PDB file of N, CA and C in Angstrom:
ATOM      1  N   MET A   1       6.693  -3.663 -11.561  1.00  0.00           N
ATOM      2  CA  MET A   1       7.750  -3.684 -12.560  1.00  0.00           C
ATOM      3  C   MET A   1       7.275  -2.745 -13.781  1.00  0.00           C
ATOM      4  N   THR A   2       8.295  -2.203 -14.105  1.00  0.00           N
ATOM      5  CA  THR A   2       8.343  -0.909 -15.272  1.00  0.00           C
ATOM      6  C   THR A   2       8.296  -1.673 -16.782  1.00  0.00           C
ATOM      7  N   ALA A   3       7.917  -1.198 -17.745  1.00  0.00           N
ATOM      8  CA  ALA A   3       8.247  -1.930 -18.941  1.00  0.00           C
ATOM      9  C   ALA A   3       9.787  -1.679 -19.088  1.00  0.00           C
ATOM     10  N   ALA A   4      10.660  -0.968 -18.968  1.00  0.00           N
ATOM     11  CA  ALA A   4      12.214  -0.981 -19.140  1.00  0.00           C
ATOM     12  C   ALA A   4      12.606  -2.094 -18.178  1.00  0.00           C
ATOM     13  N   THR A   5      12.023  -2.256 -16.896  1.00  0.00           N
ATOM     14  CA  THR A   5      12.710  -3.191 -15.964  1.00  0.00           C
ATOM     15  C   THR A   5      12.408  -4.752 -16.894  1.00  0.00           C
ATOM     16  N   ALA A   6      11.302  -4.958 -17.119  1.00  0.00           N
ATOM     17  CA  ALA A   6      10.814  -6.045 -18.033  1.00  0.00           C
ATOM     18  C   ALA A   6      11.672  -6.389 -19.173  1.00  0.00           C
ATOM     19  N   LYS A   7      11.792  -5.495 -19.829  1.00  0.00           N
ATOM     20  CA  LYS A   7      12.838  -5.549 -21.118  1.00  0.00           C
ATOM     21  C   LYS A   7      14.107  -6.023 -20.586  1.00  0.00           C
ATOM     22  N   LEU A   8      14.558  -5.171 -19.738  1.00  0.00           N
ATOM     23  CA  LEU A   8      16.104  -5.558 -19.309  1.00  0.00           C
ATOM     24  C   LEU A   8      16.008  -7.125 -18.730  1.00  0.00           C
ATOM     25  N   ASP A   9      15.203  -7.369 -17.803  1.00  0.00           N
ATOM     26  CA  ASP A   9      15.153  -8.866 -17.361  1.00  0.00           C
ATOM     27  C   ASP A   9      14.957  -9.750 -18.521  1.00  0.00           C
ATOM     28  N   GLU A  10      13.941  -9.512 -19.688  1.00  0.00           N
ATOM     29  CA  GLU A  10      14.030 -10.294 -20.897  1.00  0.00           C
ATOM     30  C   GLU A  10      15.235 -10.550 -21.481  1.00  0.00           C
ATOM     31  N   ARG A  11      16.030  -9.511 -21.377  1.00  0.00           N
ATOM     32  CA  ARG A  11      17.197  -9.774 -22.435  1.00  0.00           C
ATOM     33  C   ARG A  11      18.559 -10.723 -21.478  1.00  0.00           C
ATOM     34  N   LEU A  12      18.448 -10.363 -20.151  1.00  0.00           N
ATOM     35  CA  LEU A  12      19.371 -11.102 -19.331  1.00  0.00           C
ATOM     36  C   LEU A  12      19.116 -12.540 -19.180  1.00  0.00           C
ATOM     37  N   VAL A  13      17.792 -12.839 -18.993  1.00  0.00           N
ATOM     38  CA  VAL A  13      17.587 -14.370 -18.928  1.00  0.00           C
ATOM     39  C   VAL A  13      16.453 -14.752 -19.840  1.00  0.00           C
ATOM     40  N   THR A  14      16.717 -15.604 -20.932  1.00  0.00           N
ATOM     41  CA  THR A  14      15.805 -15.979 -21.618  1.00  0.00           C
ATOM     42  C   THR A  14      15.808 -17.681 -21.568  1.00  0.00           C
ATOM     43  N   PRO A  15      14.703 -18.243 -21.725  1.00  0.00           N
ATOM     44  CA  PRO A  15      14.462 -19.527 -21.678  1.00  0.00           C
ATOM     45  C   PRO A  15      15.824 -20.159 -22.567  1.00  0.00           C
ATOM     46  N   GLY A  16      15.787 -19.629 -23.342  1.00  0.00           N
ATOM     47  CA  GLY A  16      16.895 -20.294 -24.550  1.00  0.00           C
ATOM     48  C   GLY A  16      18.446 -20.313 -23.917  1.00  0.00           C
ATOM     49  N   ASN A  17      18.754 -19.377 -23.195  1.00  0.00           N
ATOM     50  CA  ASN A  17      20.144 -19.470 -22.659  1.00  0.00           C
ATOM     51  C   ASN A  17      20.432 -19.391 -21.104  1.00  0.00           C
ATOM     52  N   ALA A  18      19.381 -19.645 -20.717  1.00  0.00           N
ATOM     53  CA  ALA A  18      19.290 -19.641 -19.089  1.00  0.00           C
ATOM     54  C   ALA A  18      20.235 -20.994 -18.492  1.00  0.00           C
ATOM     55  N   GLY A  19      21.196 -20.793 -17.792  1.00  0.00           N
ATOM     56  CA  GLY A  19      22.267 -21.738 -17.596  1.00  0.00           C
ATOM     57  C   GLY A  19      23.538 -22.089 -18.442  1.00  0.00           C
ATOM     58  N   VAL A  20      23.250 -21.146 -19.615  1.00  0.00           N
ATOM     59  CA  VAL A  20      24.470 -21.561 -20.528  1.00  0.00           C
ATOM     60  C   VAL A  20      25.552 -20.609 -20.066  1.00  0.00           C
ATOM     61  N   PRO A  21      26.816 -21.049 -19.873  1.00  0.00           N
ATOM     62  CA  PRO A  21      27.843 -19.982 -19.707  1.00  0.00           C
ATOM     63  C   PRO A  21      28.270 -18.792 -20.568  1.00  0.00           C
ATOM     64  N   THR A  22      28.297 -17.897 -20.144  1.00  0.00           N
ATOM     65  CA  THR A  22      28.295 -16.710 -20.797  1.00  0.00           C
ATOM     66  C   THR A  22      29.682 -16.517 -22.315  1.00  0.00           C
ATOM     67  N   GLN A  23      30.377 -17.274 -21.716  1.00  0.00           N
ATOM     68  CA  GLN A  23      31.753 -17.593 -23.382  1.00  0.00           C
ATOM     69  C   GLN A  23      30.841 -18.486 -24.315  1.00  0.00           C
ATOM     70  N   VAL A  24      29.756 -19.469 -23.838  1.00  0.00           N
ATOM     71  CA  VAL A  24      29.049 -19.939 -24.821  1.00  0.00           C
ATOM     72  C   VAL A  24      28.218 -19.276 -25.632  1.00  0.00           C
ATOM     73  N   ALA A  25      27.294 -18.663 -24.591  1.00  0.00           N
ATOM     74  CA  ALA A  25      26.166 -17.759 -25.304  1.00  0.00           C
ATOM     75  C   ALA A  25      26.729 -16.825 -25.958  1.00  0.00           C
ATOM     76  N   ASN A  26      27.778 -15.953 -25.574  1.00  0.00           N
ATOM     77  CA  ASN A  26      28.275 -14.877 -26.287  1.00  0.00           C
ATOM     78  C   ASN A  26      29.694 -14.879 -26.534  1.00  0.00           C
ATOM     79  N   PRO A  27      30.020 -16.039 -27.578  1.00  0.00           N
ATOM     80  CA  PRO A  27      31.366 -16.172 -28.054  1.00  0.00           C
ATOM     81  C   PRO A  27      32.355 -14.935 -28.341  1.00  0.00           C
ATOM     82  N   SER A  28      31.690 -14.308 -29.578  1.00  0.00           N
ATOM     83  CA  SER A  28      32.296 -13.219 -29.806  1.00  0.00           C
ATOM     84  C   SER A  28      32.631 -12.173 -29.146  1.00  0.00           C
ATOM     85  N   ARG A  29      31.665 -11.804 -28.127  1.00  0.00           N
ATOM     86  CA  ARG A  29      31.947 -10.705 -26.865  1.00  0.00           C
ATOM     87  C   ARG A  29      32.851 -11.380 -26.040  1.00  0.00           C
ATOM     88  N   ALA A  30      33.013 -12.725 -25.568  1.00  0.00           N
ATOM     89  CA  ALA A  30      33.908 -13.110 -24.775  1.00  0.00           C
ATOM     90  C   ALA A  30      35.212 -13.134 -25.244  1.00  0.00           C
ATOM     91  N   SER A  31      35.542 -13.554 -26.613  1.00  0.00           N
ATOM     92  CA  SER A  31      36.681 -13.578 -27.200  1.00  0.00           C
ATOM     93  C   SER A  31      37.343 -12.315 -27.277  1.00  0.00           C
ATOM     94  N   TRP A  32      36.401 -11.219 -27.815  1.00  0.00           N
ATOM     95  CA  TRP A  32      37.188  -9.771 -27.760  1.00  0.00           C
ATOM     96  C   TRP A  32      37.553  -9.201 -25.988  1.00  0.00           C
ATOM     97  N   ARG A  33      36.914  -9.880 -25.319  1.00  0.00           N
ATOM     98  CA  ARG A  33      37.058  -9.320 -24.205  1.00  0.00           C
ATOM     99  C   ARG A  33      38.501 -10.023 -23.666  1.00  0.00           C
ATOM    100  N   THR A  34      38.619 -10.969 -23.970  1.00  0.00           N
ATOM    101  CA  THR A  34      40.178 -11.599 -23.724  1.00  0.00           C
ATOM    102  C   THR A  34      41.165 -10.975 -24.482  1.00  0.00           C
ATOM    103  N   PHE A  35      40.699 -10.643 -25.715  1.00  0.00           N
ATOM    104  CA  PHE A  35      41.837 -10.063 -26.762  1.00  0.00           C
ATOM    105  C   PHE A  35      42.200  -8.642 -26.017  1.00  0.00           C
ATOM    106  N   VAL A  36      41.221  -7.944 -25.595  1.00  0.00           N
ATOM    107  CA  VAL A  36      41.556  -6.886 -24.525  1.00  0.00           C
ATOM    108  C   VAL A  36      42.348  -6.984 -23.638  1.00  0.00           C
ATOM    109  N   GLN A  37      41.848  -7.946 -22.547  1.00  0.00           N
ATOM    110  CA  GLN A  37      42.647  -7.917 -21.619  1.00  0.00           C
ATOM    111  C   GLN A  37      44.386  -8.906 -21.749  1.00  0.00           C
ATOM    112  N   SER A  38      44.221  -9.438 -22.781  1.00  0.00           N
ATOM    113  CA  SER A  38      45.783  -9.892 -22.950  1.00  0.00           C
ATOM    114  C   SER A  38      46.459  -8.680 -23.638  1.00  0.00           C
ATOM    115  N   LEU A  39      45.809  -7.926 -24.360  1.00  0.00           N
ATOM    116  CA  LEU A  39      46.778  -6.840 -24.814  1.00  0.00           C
ATOM    117  C   LEU A  39      47.087  -5.949 -23.842  1.00  0.00           C
ATOM    118  N   LEU A  40      45.900  -5.328 -23.166  1.00  0.00           N
ATOM    119  CA  LEU A  40      46.398  -4.422 -21.952  1.00  0.00           C
ATOM    120  C   LEU A  40      47.356  -5.156 -21.219  1.00  0.00           C
ATOM    121  N   ALA A  41      47.307  -6.451 -20.743  1.00  0.00           N
ATOM    122  CA  ALA A  41      48.252  -6.909 -19.812  1.00  0.00           C
ATOM    123  C   ALA A  41      49.780  -6.722 -20.590  1.00  0.00           C
ATOM    124  N   GLY A  42      49.818  -7.339 -21.601  1.00  0.00           N
ATOM    125  CA  GLY A  42      51.029  -7.586 -22.301  1.00  0.00           C
ATOM    126  C   GLY A  42      51.583  -6.184 -22.348  1.00  0.00           C
ATOM    127  N   LEU A  43      51.101  -5.196 -23.005  1.00  0.00           N
ATOM    128  CA  LEU A  43      51.422  -3.775 -23.214  1.00  0.00           C
ATOM    129  C   LEU A  43      51.722  -3.353 -21.973  1.00  0.00           C
ATOM    130  N   ALA A  44      51.059  -3.602 -20.636  1.00  0.00           N
ATOM    131  CA  ALA A  44      51.457  -2.720 -19.679  1.00  0.00           C
ATOM    132  C   ALA A  44      53.078  -3.630 -19.276  1.00  0.00           C
ATOM    133  N   VAL A  45      53.000  -4.806 -18.993  1.00  0.00           N
ATOM    134  CA  VAL A  45      54.033  -5.501 -18.639  1.00  0.00           C
ATOM    135  C   VAL A  45      55.471  -4.998 -19.531  1.00  0.00           C
ATOM    136  N   LEU A  46      55.143  -5.010 -20.951  1.00  0.00           N
ATOM    137  CA  LEU A  46      56.267  -4.195 -21.781  1.00  0.00           C
ATOM    138  C   LEU A  46      56.644  -3.060 -21.553  1.00  0.00           C
ATOM    139  N   ASN A  47      55.719  -2.180 -21.318  1.00  0.00           N
ATOM    140  CA  ASN A  47      55.992  -0.877 -21.309  1.00  0.00           C
ATOM    141  C   ASN A  47      56.333  -0.344 -19.858  1.00  0.00           C
ATOM    142  N   ILE A  48      56.178  -1.251 -18.953  1.00  0.00           N
ATOM    143  CA  ILE A  48      56.710  -1.029 -17.606  1.00  0.00           C
ATOM    144  C   ILE A  48      58.209  -1.655 -17.385  1.00  0.00           C
ATOM    145  N   ALA A  49      58.429  -2.980 -18.342  1.00  0.00           N
ATOM    146  CA  ALA A  49      59.779  -3.380 -18.528  1.00  0.00           C
ATOM    147  C   ALA A  49      60.667  -2.709 -18.927  1.00  0.00           C
ATOM    148  N   VAL A  50      60.428  -2.101 -20.241  1.00  0.00           N
ATOM    149  CA  VAL A  50      61.357  -1.359 -20.868  1.00  0.00           C
ATOM    150  C   VAL A  50      62.126  -0.284 -20.111  1.00  0.00           C
ATOM    151  N   PRO A  51      61.318   0.685 -19.455  1.00  0.00           N
ATOM    152  CA  PRO A  51      61.801   1.679 -18.603  1.00  0.00           C
ATOM    153  C   PRO A  51      62.775   1.142 -17.479  1.00  0.00           C
ATOM    154  N   ILE A  52      62.294  -0.216 -16.914  1.00  0.00           N
ATOM    155  CA  ILE A  52      63.195  -0.428 -15.866  1.00  0.00           C
ATOM    156  C   ILE A  52      64.181  -0.987 -16.245  1.00  0.00           C
ATOM    157  N   ILE A  53      64.296  -1.624 -17.461  1.00  0.00           N
ATOM    158  CA  ILE A  53      65.802  -2.206 -18.075  1.00  0.00           C
ATOM    159  C   ILE A  53      66.338  -0.995 -18.295  1.00  0.00           C
ATOM    160  N   ALA A  54      66.139  -0.225 -19.061  1.00  0.00           N
ATOM    161  CA  ALA A  54      66.839   1.062 -19.494  1.00  0.00           C
ATOM    162  C   ALA A  54      67.314   1.843 -18.348  1.00  0.00           C
ATOM    163  N   GLN A  55      66.739   1.983 -17.193  1.00  0.00           N
ATOM    164  CA  GLN A  55      67.224   2.495 -16.124  1.00  0.00           C
ATOM    165  C   GLN A  55      68.348   1.712 -15.472  1.00  0.00           C
ATOM    166  N   PHE A  56      68.333   0.389 -15.401  1.00  0.00           N
ATOM    167  CA  PHE A  56      69.481  -0.467 -15.252  1.00  0.00           C
ATOM    168  C   PHE A  56      70.370  -0.441 -16.171  1.00  0.00           C
ATOM    169  N   ALA A  57      70.186  -0.226 -17.387  1.00  0.00           N
ATOM    170  CA  ALA A  57      71.426   0.106 -18.216  1.00  0.00           C
ATOM    171  C   ALA A  57      72.008   1.342 -17.921  1.00  0.00           C
ATOM    172  N   ILE A  58      71.273   2.483 -17.699  1.00  0.00           N
ATOM    173  CA  ILE A  58      71.622   3.626 -17.408  1.00  0.00           C
ATOM    174  C   ILE A  58      72.629   3.601 -16.235  1.00  0.00           C
ATOM    175  N   ASP A  59      72.175   3.103 -15.015  1.00  0.00           N
ATOM    176  CA  ASP A  59      73.013   2.523 -14.036  1.00  0.00           C
ATOM    177  C   ASP A  59      74.468   2.057 -13.778  1.00  0.00           C
ATOM    178  N   ASN A  60      74.111   1.010 -15.147  1.00  0.00           N
ATOM    179  CA  ASN A  60      75.610   0.578 -15.500  1.00  0.00           C
ATOM    180  C   ASN A  60      76.158   1.081 -16.354  1.00  0.00           C
ATOM    181  N   GLY A  61      75.991   2.573 -16.539  1.00  0.00           N
ATOM    182  CA  GLY A  61      76.996   3.406 -17.930  1.00  0.00           C
ATOM    183  C   GLY A  61      76.665   3.343 -19.046  1.00  0.00           C
ATOM    184  N   ASP A  62      75.441   2.652 -19.372  1.00  0.00           N
ATOM    185  CA  ASP A  62      75.091   2.337 -20.814  1.00  0.00           C
ATOM    186  C   ASP A  62      73.323   2.973 -20.730  1.00  0.00           C
ATOM    187  N   SER A  63      73.179   2.773 -22.157  1.00  0.00           N
ATOM    188  CA  SER A  63      71.683   3.510 -22.339  1.00  0.00           C
ATOM    189  C   SER A  63      71.039   2.362 -23.022  1.00  0.00           C
ATOM    190  N   LEU A  64      69.890   2.072 -23.063  1.00  0.00           N
ATOM    191  CA  LEU A  64      69.104   1.290 -23.666  1.00  0.00           C
ATOM    192  C   LEU A  64      69.382   1.366 -25.269  1.00  0.00           C
ATOM    193  N   ALA A  65      69.295   2.756 -25.456  1.00  0.00           N
ATOM    194  CA  ALA A  65      69.729   3.141 -26.881  1.00  0.00           C
ATOM    195  C   ALA A  65      70.977   2.945 -27.351  1.00  0.00           C
ATOM    196  N   ASP A  66      71.698   2.982 -26.633  1.00  0.00           N
ATOM    197  CA  ASP A  66      73.281   2.693 -26.894  1.00  0.00           C
ATOM    198  C   ASP A  66      73.301   1.077 -27.175  1.00  0.00           C
ATOM    199  N   LEU A  67      72.731   0.301 -26.443  1.00  0.00           N
ATOM    200  CA  LEU A  67      72.764  -1.239 -26.989  1.00  0.00           C
ATOM    201  C   LEU A  67      71.712  -1.617 -27.959  1.00  0.00           C
ATOM    202  N   LEU A  68      70.765  -0.694 -28.091  1.00  0.00           N
ATOM    203  CA  LEU A  68      69.987  -1.280 -29.415  1.00  0.00           C
ATOM    204  C   LEU A  68      70.236  -0.543 -30.553  1.00  0.00           C
ATOM    205  N   GLY A  69      70.975   0.620 -30.199  1.00  0.00           N
ATOM    206  CA  GLY A  69      71.285   1.744 -31.553  1.00  0.00           C
ATOM    207  C   GLY A  69      70.411   2.290 -32.045  1.00  0.00           C
ATOM    208  N   PRO A  70      70.266   2.557 -33.061  1.00  0.00           N
ATOM    209  CA  PRO A  70      69.235   3.636 -33.921  1.00  0.00           C
ATOM    210  C   PRO A  70      67.975   2.631 -33.861  1.00  0.00           C
ATOM    211  N   ALA A  71      67.574   1.416 -33.743  1.00  0.00           N
ATOM    212  CA  ALA A  71      66.864   0.657 -34.029  1.00  0.00           C
ATOM    213  C   ALA A  71      65.864   0.572 -32.753  1.00  0.00           C
ATOM    214  N   TYR A  72      66.423   1.322 -31.714  1.00  0.00           N
ATOM    215  CA  TYR A  72      65.771   1.280 -30.536  1.00  0.00           C
ATOM    216  C   TYR A  72      64.112   1.658 -30.712  1.00  0.00           C
ATOM    217  N   PRO A  73      63.631   2.476 -31.459  1.00  0.00           N
ATOM    218  CA  PRO A  73      62.197   2.731 -31.463  1.00  0.00           C
ATOM    219  C   PRO A  73      61.596   1.403 -32.379  1.00  0.00           C
ATOM    220  N   ILE A  74      62.204   1.004 -33.430  1.00  0.00           N
ATOM    221  CA  ILE A  74      61.817  -0.168 -34.183  1.00  0.00           C
ATOM    222  C   ILE A  74      61.497  -1.323 -33.152  1.00  0.00           C
ATOM    223  N   VAL A  75      62.416  -1.689 -32.312  1.00  0.00           N
ATOM    224  CA  VAL A  75      62.310  -2.798 -31.562  1.00  0.00           C
ATOM    225  C   VAL A  75      61.201  -2.658 -30.815  1.00  0.00           C
ATOM    226  N   ILE A  76      61.029  -1.505 -29.915  1.00  0.00           N
ATOM    227  CA  ILE A  76      60.033  -1.353 -29.216  1.00  0.00           C
ATOM    228  C   ILE A  76      58.471  -1.743 -30.021  1.00  0.00           C
ATOM    229  N   ALA A  77      58.436  -0.825 -31.381  1.00  0.00           N
ATOM    230  CA  ALA A  77      57.627  -1.173 -31.845  1.00  0.00           C
ATOM    231  C   ALA A  77      57.301  -2.603 -32.223  1.00  0.00           C
ATOM    232  N   ILE A  78      58.190  -3.397 -32.587  1.00  0.00           N
ATOM    233  CA  ILE A  78      57.936  -4.722 -32.981  1.00  0.00           C
ATOM    234  C   ILE A  78      57.568  -5.545 -31.765  1.00  0.00           C
ATOM    235  N   LEU A  79      57.911  -5.462 -30.320  1.00  0.00           N
ATOM    236  CA  LEU A  79      57.787  -6.095 -29.282  1.00  0.00           C
ATOM    237  C   LEU A  79      56.328  -5.686 -29.117  1.00  0.00           C
ATOM    238  N   ASN A  80      55.720  -4.397 -29.456  1.00  0.00           N
ATOM    239  CA  ASN A  80      54.381  -4.144 -29.115  1.00  0.00           C
ATOM    240  C   ASN A  80      53.420  -4.814 -29.966  1.00  0.00           C
ATOM    241  N   ALA A  81      53.911  -4.971 -31.398  1.00  0.00           N
ATOM    242  CA  ALA A  81      53.049  -5.803 -32.372  1.00  0.00           C
ATOM    243  C   ALA A  81      53.264  -7.164 -31.954  1.00  0.00           C
ATOM    244  N   ILE A  82      54.194  -8.031 -31.371  1.00  0.00           N
ATOM    245  CA  ILE A  82      54.309  -9.097 -31.002  1.00  0.00           C
ATOM    246  C   ILE A  82      53.032  -9.527 -29.670  1.00  0.00           C
ATOM    247  N   ILE A  83      53.230  -8.626 -28.814  1.00  0.00           N
ATOM    248  CA  ILE A  83      52.240  -8.436 -27.789  1.00  0.00           C
ATOM    249  C   ILE A  83      50.687  -8.504 -28.299  1.00  0.00           C
ATOM    250  N   ALA A  84      50.671  -7.775 -29.541  1.00  0.00           N
ATOM    251  CA  ALA A  84      49.141  -7.745 -29.991  1.00  0.00           C
ATOM    252  C   ALA A  84      49.190  -8.889 -30.729  1.00  0.00           C
ATOM    253  N   VAL A  85      49.703  -9.399 -31.494  1.00  0.00           N
ATOM    254  CA  VAL A  85      49.615 -10.660 -32.199  1.00  0.00           C
ATOM    255  C   VAL A  85      49.271 -11.643 -31.027  1.00  0.00           C
ATOM    256  N   GLY A  86      50.115 -11.607 -29.648  1.00  0.00           N
ATOM    257  CA  GLY A  86      49.759 -12.829 -29.063  1.00  0.00           C
ATOM    258  C   GLY A  86      48.293 -12.781 -28.178  1.00  0.00           C
ATOM    259  N   ALA A  87      47.863 -11.113 -28.125  1.00  0.00           N
ATOM    260  CA  ALA A  87      46.451 -11.242 -27.759  1.00  0.00           C
ATOM    261  C   ALA A  87      45.464 -11.593 -28.780  1.00  0.00           C
ATOM    262  N   LEU A  88      45.843 -11.373 -30.068  1.00  0.00           N
ATOM    263  CA  LEU A  88      44.628 -11.958 -30.996  1.00  0.00           C
ATOM    264  C   LEU A  88      44.883 -13.431 -30.839  1.00  0.00           C
ATOM    265  N   VAL A  89      46.066 -14.119 -30.647  1.00  0.00           N
ATOM    266  CA  VAL A  89      46.013 -15.749 -30.618  1.00  0.00           C
ATOM    267  C   VAL A  89      45.074 -16.253 -29.425  1.00  0.00           C
ATOM    268  N   ALA A  90      45.291 -15.441 -28.552  1.00  0.00           N
ATOM    269  CA  ALA A  90      44.328 -15.720 -27.063  1.00  0.00           C
ATOM    270  C   ALA A  90      42.946 -15.461 -27.408  1.00  0.00           C
ATOM    271  N   LYS A  91      42.523 -14.492 -28.094  1.00  0.00           N
ATOM    272  CA  LYS A  91      41.473 -14.228 -28.544  1.00  0.00           C
ATOM    273  C   LYS A  91      40.782 -15.366 -29.450  1.00  0.00           C
ATOM    274  N   LEU A  92      41.407 -15.720 -30.214  1.00  0.00           N
ATOM    275  CA  LEU A  92      41.210 -16.885 -31.361  1.00  0.00           C
ATOM    276  C   LEU A  92      40.826 -18.395 -30.315  1.00  0.00           C
ATOM    277  N   ILE A  93      41.834 -18.646 -29.328  1.00  0.00           N
ATOM    278  CA  ILE A  93      41.534 -19.563 -28.393  1.00  0.00           C
ATOM    279  C   ILE A  93      40.416 -19.545 -27.419  1.00  0.00           C
ATOM    280  N   ALA A  94      40.354 -18.144 -27.056  1.00  0.00           N
ATOM    281  CA  ALA A  94      38.894 -18.150 -26.490  1.00  0.00           C
ATOM    282  C   ALA A  94      37.814 -18.317 -27.198  1.00  0.00           C
ATOM    283  N   LEU A  95      37.631 -17.830 -28.626  1.00  0.00           N
ATOM    284  CA  LEU A  95      36.518 -18.146 -29.356  1.00  0.00           C
ATOM    285  C   LEU A  95      36.476 -19.514 -29.653  1.00  0.00           C
ATOM    286  N   LEU A  96      37.271 -20.374 -29.976  1.00  0.00           N
ATOM    287  CA  LEU A  96      37.613 -21.815 -29.947  1.00  0.00           C
ATOM    288  C   LEU A  96      36.819 -22.439 -28.597  1.00  0.00           C
ATOM    289  N   MET A  97      37.312 -22.215 -27.689  1.00  0.00           N
ATOM    290  CA  MET A  97      36.850 -22.643 -26.485  1.00  0.00           C
ATOM    291  C   MET A  97      35.343 -22.585 -26.135  1.00  0.00           C
ATOM    292  N   ALA A  98      35.127 -21.298 -26.633  1.00  0.00           N
ATOM    293  CA  ALA A  98      33.497 -20.843 -26.497  1.00  0.00           C
ATOM    294  C   ALA A  98      32.506 -21.799 -27.523  1.00  0.00           C
ATOM    295  N   ASN A  99      33.115 -22.386 -28.219  1.00  0.00           N
ATOM    296  CA  ASN A  99      32.237 -23.247 -29.002  1.00  0.00           C
ATOM    297  C   ASN A  99      31.409 -24.405 -28.432  1.00  0.00           C
ATOM    298  N   PRO A 100      30.274 -24.658 -28.429  1.00  0.00           N
ATOM    299  CA  PRO A 100      29.454 -25.604 -27.583  1.00  0.00           C
ATOM    300  C   PRO A 100      30.018 -26.900 -27.683  1.00  0.00           C
ATOM    301  N   ILE A 101      30.532 -27.324 -28.633  1.00  0.00           N
ATOM    302  CA  ILE A 101      31.228 -28.834 -29.019  1.00  0.00           C
ATOM    303  C   ILE A 101      32.373 -28.922 -27.981  1.00  0.00           C
ATOM    304  N   VAL A 102      33.524 -27.766 -28.107  1.00  0.00           N
ATOM    305  CA  VAL A 102      34.607 -27.866 -27.405  1.00  0.00           C
ATOM    306  C   VAL A 102      34.078 -27.624 -25.744  1.00  0.00           C
ATOM    307  N   ASN A 103      33.080 -26.963 -25.620  1.00  0.00           N
ATOM    308  CA  ASN A 103      32.960 -26.640 -24.018  1.00  0.00           C
ATOM    309  C   ASN A 103      32.591 -27.924 -23.646  1.00  0.00           C
ATOM    310  N   ALA A 104      31.734 -28.694 -24.367  1.00  0.00           N
ATOM    311  CA  ALA A 104      31.304 -30.155 -23.977  1.00  0.00           C
ATOM    312  C   ALA A 104      32.407 -30.761 -23.810  1.00  0.00           C
ATOM    313  N   PHE A 105      33.424 -30.856 -24.523  1.00  0.00           N
ATOM    314  CA  PHE A 105      34.723 -31.527 -24.272  1.00  0.00           C
ATOM    315  C   PHE A 105      35.065 -31.001 -23.141  1.00  0.00           C
ATOM    316  N   ILE A 106      35.403 -29.913 -22.801  1.00  0.00           N
ATOM    317  CA  ILE A 106      36.104 -29.435 -21.634  1.00  0.00           C
ATOM    318  C   ILE A 106      35.406 -30.006 -20.458  1.00  0.00           C
ATOM    319  N   VAL A 107      33.950 -29.919 -20.309  1.00  0.00           N
ATOM    320  CA  VAL A 107      33.308 -30.095 -19.154  1.00  0.00           C
ATOM    321  C   VAL A 107      33.432 -31.499 -18.896  1.00  0.00           C
ATOM    322  N   LYS A 108      33.545 -32.423 -20.043  1.00  0.00           N
ATOM    323  CA  LYS A 108      33.438 -33.759 -19.729  1.00  0.00           C
ATOM    324  C   LYS A 108      34.891 -34.106 -19.277  1.00  0.00           C
ATOM    325  N   HIS A 109      36.008 -33.593 -20.085  1.00  0.00           N
ATOM    326  CA  HIS A 109      37.493 -34.375 -19.860  1.00  0.00           C
ATOM    327  C   HIS A 109      38.148 -33.211 -18.977  1.00  0.00           C
ATOM    328  N   LEU A 110      37.828 -31.971 -19.041  1.00  0.00           N
ATOM    329  CA  LEU A 110      38.740 -31.007 -18.440  1.00  0.00           C
ATOM    330  C   LEU A 110      37.985 -30.306 -17.318  1.00  0.00           C
ATOM    331  N   SER A 111      37.198 -30.774 -16.661  1.00  0.00           N
ATOM    332  CA  SER A 111      36.353 -29.825 -15.651  1.00  0.00           C
ATOM    333  C   SER A 111      36.609 -28.947 -15.077  1.00  0.00           C
ATOM    334  N   TRP A 112      38.107 -29.033 -14.633  1.00  0.00           N
ATOM    335  CA  TRP A 112      38.699 -27.764 -13.906  1.00  0.00           C
ATOM    336  C   TRP A 112      38.828 -26.397 -14.758  1.00  0.00           C
ATOM    337  N   LEU A 113      38.596 -26.655 -16.045  1.00  0.00           N
ATOM    338  CA  LEU A 113      38.619 -25.664 -16.925  1.00  0.00           C
ATOM    339  C   LEU A 113      37.579 -25.171 -17.457  1.00  0.00           C
ATOM    340  N   ALA A 114      36.323 -25.583 -16.993  1.00  0.00           N
ATOM    341  CA  ALA A 114      34.763 -25.719 -17.366  1.00  0.00           C
ATOM    342  C   ALA A 114      34.421 -24.035 -16.891  1.00  0.00           C
ATOM    343  N   PRO A 115      33.741 -23.337 -18.128  1.00  0.00           N
ATOM    344  CA  PRO A 115      33.196 -22.067 -17.692  1.00  0.00           C
ATOM    345  C   PRO A 115      32.249 -21.956 -16.303  1.00  0.00           C
ATOM    346  N   ILE A 116      31.511 -23.128 -16.033  1.00  0.00           N
ATOM    347  CA  ILE A 116      30.880 -23.568 -14.683  1.00  0.00           C
ATOM    348  C   ILE A 116      31.091 -24.630 -14.158  1.00  0.00           C
ATOM    349  N   ALA A 117      31.245 -24.642 -12.870  1.00  0.00           N
ATOM    350  CA  ALA A 117      31.780 -25.795 -12.388  1.00  0.00           C
ATOM    351  C   ALA A 117      30.785 -27.105 -12.391  1.00  0.00           C
ATOM    352  N   PRO A 118      30.803 -28.173 -12.895  1.00  0.00           N
ATOM    353  CA  PRO A 118      30.215 -29.371 -13.330  1.00  0.00           C
ATOM    354  C   PRO A 118      29.573 -29.445 -11.725  1.00  0.00           C
ATOM    355  N   LYS A 119      28.215 -30.250 -12.086  1.00  0.00           N
ATOM    356  CA  LYS A 119      27.583 -30.590 -10.901  1.00  0.00           C
ATOM    357  C   LYS A 119      28.129 -31.720 -10.174  1.00  0.00           C
ATOM    358  N   GLU A 120      27.839 -31.818  -8.906  1.00  0.00           N
ATOM    359  CA  GLU A 120      28.715 -32.883  -8.294  1.00  0.00           C
ATOM    360  C   GLU A 120      27.695 -34.135  -8.541  1.00  0.00           C
ATOM    361  N   LYS A 121      28.332 -35.230  -8.475  1.00  0.00           N
ATOM    362  CA  LYS A 121      27.483 -36.720  -8.903  1.00  0.00           C
ATOM    363  C   LYS A 121      27.162 -37.513  -7.721  1.00  0.00           C
TER     364      LYS A 121
END
């Protein structure tokens, strides 16, 4: 084993965090991943749905800009901001759920939501 491999192995599994869910071992990283995932999903849905709705309006003789008037860009910006806030809330919830005390409660009372499946008794 090379020195680089030994160092990499030491970082991945250390006695202090072996068997600990990654969400609990790295709550900040896990919550930021949740934020990015939620943001990308929300923005994708919104920015795919808006053109579909616009095309539907055009097919019916209107345009989305006509329906919203000059506020069209502002409405789109506000909807994107709402999605960003929703993603931030998802991040904060993920950070809360990564707390070891909360995680212990989840494992005990909401085992279906636990980051690692509980051991069978």
